Amino acid sequence: MATTTCGTCSKIFLFFFNFVFWLTGLGVLVLGVWLTVDRMSLSFLLIMDSPIFQTAGYAMIAVGGFVTILGFFGCVGAWCENKCMLWTYFLFVFVILLAEIVCTILLFVFKSHVEQFLEKKLNETVTTDYGRSGEDDKKTQAIDAVQLTFECCGISNYRDWENTWWYEAEMNASNTPWKFPKSCCKVIGKIKPIREGLMPQPMNETACKGVDVDLPNDAMNQDGCYEKIYSYIKNNIWIISGIGLGVAVLQIFGLICSICLLRNMKDFDYDD
């Protein structure tokens, strides 16, 4: 039983902090299961032809499960003042904190490589994979999802589609071919999911297609997708960094409280 003010406060803080931590882990775990079952929710990540990006759902399950177990150790260890559980909690939180610091450093060191990787994979998917059947059909849906969500067209602009496999197939298959996919058009109302091959109705399909109208025009999205995606990531990176910093501060505070509680328990044992 905690006997000092420091020990009592540490116990209360650790319990409530880890209860929230446990709930957060449970939420991440459920979200990971949902993303794994509903694969089209990750359609944007299919552009990134890398296991790291495409297995995001499984990664969230692993992280969520680990955080849930760690939160359980923290809660029970603090409430029952179990030294073994508290030391286990301390060591794991310390390792996680070090991993977060390393990942943050690597993110800034390899920032330019991430940008180049994004542009490269976006270019490959648009140029060679879009419009093909089979496994690449998922990448087609991913590009449509990106162009509809970010209201963009092509990598830099709509002319990027003129040098693609899809464009050659479209030119050979139709007398009045599209110069870019229909997902480049501005659509009516809220964007619908593409998981069943559905495509929102363009506001003005004739104008968007360029029939008797100059391109680009107001019926289509004119900005490139790379800049849109990069701007989105850049604009939100500070929010993510702020959340990460807040979590790191709480983790440090949790480490301090666990040490205080362990020291209090040690002093109490000596008194006995």
Protein backbone atom coordinates (compact mmCIF):
# COMPACT_ATOMS: atom_id res chain seq x y z
CA MET A 1 0.00 0.00 0.00
CA ALA A 2 1.36 3.45 -0.98
CA THR A 3 2.00 5.45 2.21
CA THR A 4 3.52 8.74 1.03
CA THR A 5 1.87 11.58 -0.87
CA CYS A 6 4.21 10.95 -3.82
CA GLY A 7 3.37 7.26 -3.83
CA THR A 8 -0.38 7.85 -3.62
CA CYS A 9 -0.37 10.48 -6.40
CA SER A 10 1.82 8.26 -8.59
CA LYS A 11 -0.53 5.33 -8.08
CA ILE A 12 -3.63 7.35 -9.00
CA PHE A 13 -2.01 8.94 -12.05
CA LEU A 14 -0.58 5.66 -13.32
CA PHE A 15 -3.92 3.91 -13.01
CA PHE A 16 -5.97 6.54 -14.88
CA PHE A 17 -3.23 7.20 -17.46
CA ASN A 18 -2.96 3.51 -18.29
CA PHE A 19 -6.71 3.07 -18.33
CA VAL A 20 -6.85 5.70 -21.10
CA PHE A 21 -3.80 4.04 -22.67
CA TRP A 22 -5.65 0.69 -22.60
CA LEU A 23 -8.75 2.21 -24.23
CA THR A 24 -6.57 3.80 -26.93
CA GLY A 25 -4.89 0.48 -27.66
CA LEU A 26 -8.26 -1.23 -27.86
CA GLY A 27 -9.46 1.42 -30.33
CA VAL A 28 -6.38 0.98 -32.53
CA LEU A 29 -6.85 -2.80 -32.39
CA VAL A 30 -10.49 -2.56 -33.51
CA LEU A 31 -9.57 -0.09 -36.26
CA GLY A 32 -6.82 -2.42 -37.48
CA VAL A 33 -9.26 -5.36 -37.65
CA TRP A 34 -11.76 -3.21 -39.58
CA LEU A 35 -9.12 -2.04 -42.07
CA THR A 36 -7.90 -5.61 -42.56
CA VAL A 37 -11.41 -6.94 -43.22
CA ASP A 38 -12.44 -3.94 -45.35
CA ARG A 39 -9.40 -3.83 -47.64
CA MET A 40 -10.77 -1.06 -49.87
CA SER A 41 -10.56 1.37 -46.95
CA LEU A 42 -6.81 1.19 -47.63
CA SER A 43 -7.18 1.82 -51.35
CA PHE A 44 -4.83 4.80 -51.26
CA LEU A 45 -2.06 2.64 -49.75
CA LEU A 46 -2.31 0.19 -52.66
CA ILE A 47 -0.45 2.75 -54.76
CA MET A 48 2.57 2.18 -52.55
CA ASP A 49 3.85 -1.15 -53.87
CA SER A 50 5.52 -1.98 -50.57
CA PRO A 51 4.63 -4.49 -47.82
CA ILE A 52 5.21 -1.76 -45.22
CA PHE A 53 2.34 0.34 -46.61
CA GLN A 54 0.05 -2.46 -47.74
CA THR A 55 0.09 -4.28 -44.37
CA ALA A 56 -0.92 -1.19 -42.39
CA GLY A 57 -4.02 -2.95 -41.03
CA TYR A 58 -2.00 -5.84 -39.62
CA ALA A 59 0.52 -3.40 -38.15
CA MET A 60 -2.31 -1.56 -36.37
CA ILE A 61 -3.58 -4.87 -34.96
CA ALA A 62 -0.11 -5.67 -33.62
CA VAL A 63 0.42 -2.18 -32.17
CA GLY A 64 -3.10 -2.01 -30.74
CA GLY A 65 -2.76 -5.42 -29.12
CA PHE A 66 0.61 -4.53 -27.62
CA VAL A 67 -0.65 -1.18 -26.27
CA THR A 68 -3.74 -2.89 -24.81
CA ILE A 69 -1.59 -5.44 -22.96
CA LEU A 70 0.83 -2.73 -21.81
CA GLY A 71 -2.05 -0.59 -20.52
CA PHE A 72 -3.38 -3.62 -18.63
CA PHE A 73 0.02 -4.15 -17.01
CA GLY A 74 0.16 -0.48 -16.01
CA CYS A 75 -3.36 -0.42 -14.55
CA VAL A 76 -3.12 -3.66 -12.59
CA GLY A 77 0.47 -3.01 -11.55
CA ALA A 78 -0.39 0.44 -10.17
CA TRP A 79 -3.65 -0.60 -8.47
CA CYS A 80 -2.26 -3.77 -6.90
CA GLU A 81 1.23 -2.29 -6.44
CA ASN A 82 2.73 -5.34 -8.14
CA LYS A 83 6.49 -4.80 -8.56
CA CYS A 84 6.91 -7.35 -11.35
CA MET A 85 4.14 -5.78 -13.47
CA LEU A 86 5.37 -2.25 -12.76
CA TRP A 87 8.94 -3.08 -13.76
CA THR A 88 7.67 -4.80 -16.92
CA TYR A 89 5.57 -1.73 -17.69
CA PHE A 90 8.53 0.60 -17.05
CA LEU A 91 10.91 -1.31 -19.32
CA PHE A 92 8.44 -1.56 -22.22
CA VAL A 93 7.45 2.12 -22.04
CA PHE A 94 11.13 3.07 -21.93
CA VAL A 95 11.84 0.98 -25.05
CA ILE A 96 8.81 2.48 -26.84
CA LEU A 97 9.99 6.00 -25.98
CA LEU A 98 13.45 5.27 -27.40
CA ALA A 99 11.86 3.79 -30.56
CA GLU A 100 9.73 6.93 -31.01
CA ILE A 101 12.81 9.14 -30.74
CA VAL A 102 14.70 7.03 -33.29
CA CYS A 103 11.73 6.98 -35.70
CA THR A 104 11.36 10.77 -35.44
CA ILE A 105 15.04 11.28 -36.23
CA LEU A 106 14.87 8.87 -39.19
CA LEU A 107 11.73 10.62 -40.50
CA PHE A 108 13.54 13.95 -40.74
CA VAL A 109 16.77 12.39 -42.06
CA PHE A 110 15.02 10.46 -44.84
CA LYS A 111 12.31 13.07 -45.55
CA SER A 112 13.51 13.64 -49.11
CA HIS A 113 13.62 9.88 -49.78
CA VAL A 114 9.99 9.56 -48.69
CA GLU A 115 8.99 12.35 -51.10
CA GLN A 116 10.87 10.69 -53.97
CA PHE A 117 9.32 7.31 -53.13
CA LEU A 118 5.82 8.80 -53.18
CA GLU A 119 6.38 10.47 -56.56
CA LYS A 120 7.97 7.34 -58.04
CA LYS A 121 5.19 4.99 -56.97
CA LEU A 122 2.49 7.43 -58.04
CA ASN A 123 4.13 7.74 -61.47
CA GLU A 124 4.48 3.96 -61.89
CA THR A 125 0.87 3.30 -60.94
CA VAL A 126 -0.53 5.97 -63.26
CA THR A 127 1.74 5.11 -66.19
CA THR A 128 1.71 1.32 -66.26
CA ASP A 129 -0.88 -0.11 -63.84
CA TYR A 130 -4.02 2.00 -64.23
CA GLY A 131 -6.77 0.42 -66.34
CA ARG A 132 -5.40 -3.11 -66.28
CA SER A 133 -7.50 -6.01 -65.03
CA GLY A 134 -6.61 -8.56 -62.38
CA GLU A 135 -4.50 -7.56 -59.39
CA ASP A 136 -3.82 -4.12 -60.90
CA ASP A 137 -7.55 -3.37 -60.81
CA LYS A 138 -7.08 -2.52 -57.12
CA LYS A 139 -4.50 0.09 -58.10
CA THR A 140 -6.95 1.51 -60.64
CA GLN A 141 -9.51 1.92 -57.87
CA ALA A 142 -6.81 3.45 -55.67
CA ILE A 143 -5.94 6.12 -58.27
CA ASP A 144 -9.63 6.89 -58.78
CA ALA A 145 -10.01 7.24 -55.01
CA VAL A 146 -7.04 9.62 -54.86
CA GLN A 147 -8.25 11.80 -57.74
CA LEU A 148 -11.77 12.02 -56.30
CA THR A 149 -10.67 12.58 -52.71
CA PHE A 150 -7.96 15.16 -53.40
CA GLU A 151 -9.79 16.66 -56.41
CA CYS A 152 -6.76 16.28 -58.65
CA CYS A 153 -5.84 14.80 -62.03
CA GLY A 154 -2.64 13.05 -63.03
CA ILE A 155 0.70 13.46 -61.30
CA SER A 156 1.44 17.08 -62.28
CA ASN A 157 -1.65 17.75 -64.42
CA TYR A 158 -4.13 16.03 -66.75
CA ARG A 159 -1.58 15.75 -69.58
CA ASP A 160 0.29 13.04 -67.66
CA TRP A 161 -2.41 10.62 -68.79
CA GLU A 162 -1.35 10.99 -72.44
CA ASN A 163 1.76 8.87 -71.76
CA THR A 164 0.04 5.94 -70.07
CA TRP A 165 -1.02 2.41 -70.96
CA TRP A 166 -4.61 3.39 -70.19
CA TYR A 167 -4.56 6.25 -72.71
CA GLU A 168 -3.33 4.01 -75.54
CA ALA A 169 -6.03 1.44 -74.76
CA GLU A 170 -8.69 4.18 -74.63
CA MET A 171 -7.58 5.62 -77.98
CA ASN A 172 -7.79 2.20 -79.64
CA ALA A 173 -11.13 1.25 -78.09
CA SER A 174 -13.27 4.33 -78.73
CA ASN A 175 -14.02 6.82 -81.50
CA THR A 176 -14.54 9.53 -78.90
CA PRO A 177 -11.94 8.60 -76.29
CA TRP A 178 -11.47 10.20 -72.92
CA LYS A 179 -8.19 12.09 -72.51
CA PHE A 180 -8.09 11.21 -68.82
CA PRO A 181 -10.13 8.99 -66.45
CA LYS A 182 -13.60 10.05 -65.43
CA SER A 183 -12.37 10.40 -61.84
CA CYS A 184 -10.64 13.62 -62.96
CA CYS A 185 -14.05 15.26 -63.40
CA LYS A 186 -15.71 17.36 -60.74
CA VAL A 187 -18.58 15.31 -59.35
CA ILE A 188 -22.06 15.96 -58.00
CA GLY A 189 -22.56 15.80 -54.25
CA LYS A 190 -20.58 13.69 -51.82
CA ILE A 191 -17.97 11.33 -53.24
CA LYS A 192 -19.16 7.72 -53.16
CA PRO A 193 -16.96 4.71 -52.30
CA ILE A 194 -15.35 3.00 -55.26
CA ARG A 195 -15.14 -0.42 -53.59
CA GLU A 196 -17.93 -1.80 -55.82
CA GLY A 197 -16.71 -0.06 -58.95
CA LEU A 198 -19.12 2.84 -58.45
CA MET A 199 -18.24 6.20 -59.93
CA PRO A 200 -19.89 9.48 -58.90
CA GLN A 201 -21.75 11.34 -61.64
CA PRO A 202 -19.66 14.15 -63.17
CA MET A 203 -21.17 17.64 -62.95
CA ASN A 204 -20.73 18.14 -66.68
CA GLU A 205 -19.49 14.99 -68.42
CA THR A 206 -19.55 16.52 -71.91
CA ALA A 207 -17.42 19.50 -70.93
CA CYS A 208 -15.12 17.36 -68.81
CA LYS A 209 -14.55 15.02 -71.73
CA GLY A 210 -13.49 18.00 -73.84
CA VAL A 211 -16.17 17.73 -76.52
CA ASP A 212 -16.23 21.12 -78.30
CA VAL A 213 -14.62 22.62 -75.19
CA ASP A 214 -11.03 23.57 -74.51
CA LEU A 215 -9.04 21.70 -71.88
CA PRO A 216 -8.48 22.28 -69.06
CA ASN A 217 -11.81 23.76 -67.98
CA ASP A 218 -13.96 24.28 -64.89
CA ALA A 219 -15.66 20.89 -65.25
CA MET A 220 -12.46 19.01 -64.33
CA ASN A 221 -9.86 18.95 -61.59
CA GLN A 222 -6.78 20.77 -62.86
CA ASP A 223 -4.23 20.35 -60.05
CA GLY A 224 -1.76 17.46 -59.99
CA CYS A 225 -2.16 14.73 -57.36
CA TYR A 226 1.45 14.70 -56.17
CA GLU A 227 1.37 18.29 -54.94
CA LYS A 228 -2.06 17.76 -53.40
CA ILE A 229 -0.97 14.67 -51.46
CA TYR A 230 2.34 16.23 -50.45
CA SER A 231 0.62 19.41 -49.26
CA TYR A 232 -1.88 17.35 -47.27
CA ILE A 233 0.90 15.44 -45.53
CA LYS A 234 2.92 18.63 -44.95
CA ASN A 235 -0.07 20.49 -43.51
CA ASN A 236 -0.92 17.67 -41.11
CA ILE A 237 2.61 16.73 -40.06
CA TRP A 238 2.62 19.37 -37.33
CA ILE A 239 -0.62 18.00 -35.89
CA ILE A 240 0.88 14.50 -35.86
CA SER A 241 4.11 15.86 -34.36
CA GLY A 242 2.16 17.69 -31.65
CA ILE A 243 0.24 14.55 -30.74
CA GLY A 244 3.47 12.55 -30.72
CA LEU A 245 5.14 15.12 -28.46
CA GLY A 246 2.17 15.06 -26.08
CA VAL A 247 2.28 11.25 -25.92
CA ALA A 248 6.05 11.34 -25.30
CA VAL A 249 5.62 13.80 -22.41
CA LEU A 250 2.92 11.59 -20.86
CA GLN A 251 5.17 8.56 -21.28
CA ILE A 252 8.03 10.33 -19.50
CA PHE A 253 5.66 11.38 -16.74
CA GLY A 254 4.44 7.77 -16.53
CA LEU A 255 8.03 6.53 -16.18
CA ILE A 256 8.68 9.04 -13.39
CA CYS A 257 5.49 8.03 -11.56
CA SER A 258 6.26 4.33 -11.86
CA ILE A 259 9.73 4.92 -10.37
CA CYS A 260 8.20 6.97 -7.55
CA LEU A 261 5.70 4.22 -6.80
CA LEU A 262 8.39 1.53 -6.93
CA ARG A 263 10.65 3.53 -4.60
CA ASN A 264 7.75 4.11 -2.22
CA MET A 265 7.02 0.36 -2.18
CA LYS A 266 10.71 -0.34 -1.55
CA ASP A 267 10.82 2.11 1.39
CA PHE A 268 7.62 0.60 2.75
CA ASP A 269 9.21 -2.87 2.63
CA TYR A 270 12.22 -1.61 4.56
CA ASP A 271 9.94 -0.09 7.19
CA ASP A 272 8.32 -3.47 7.67
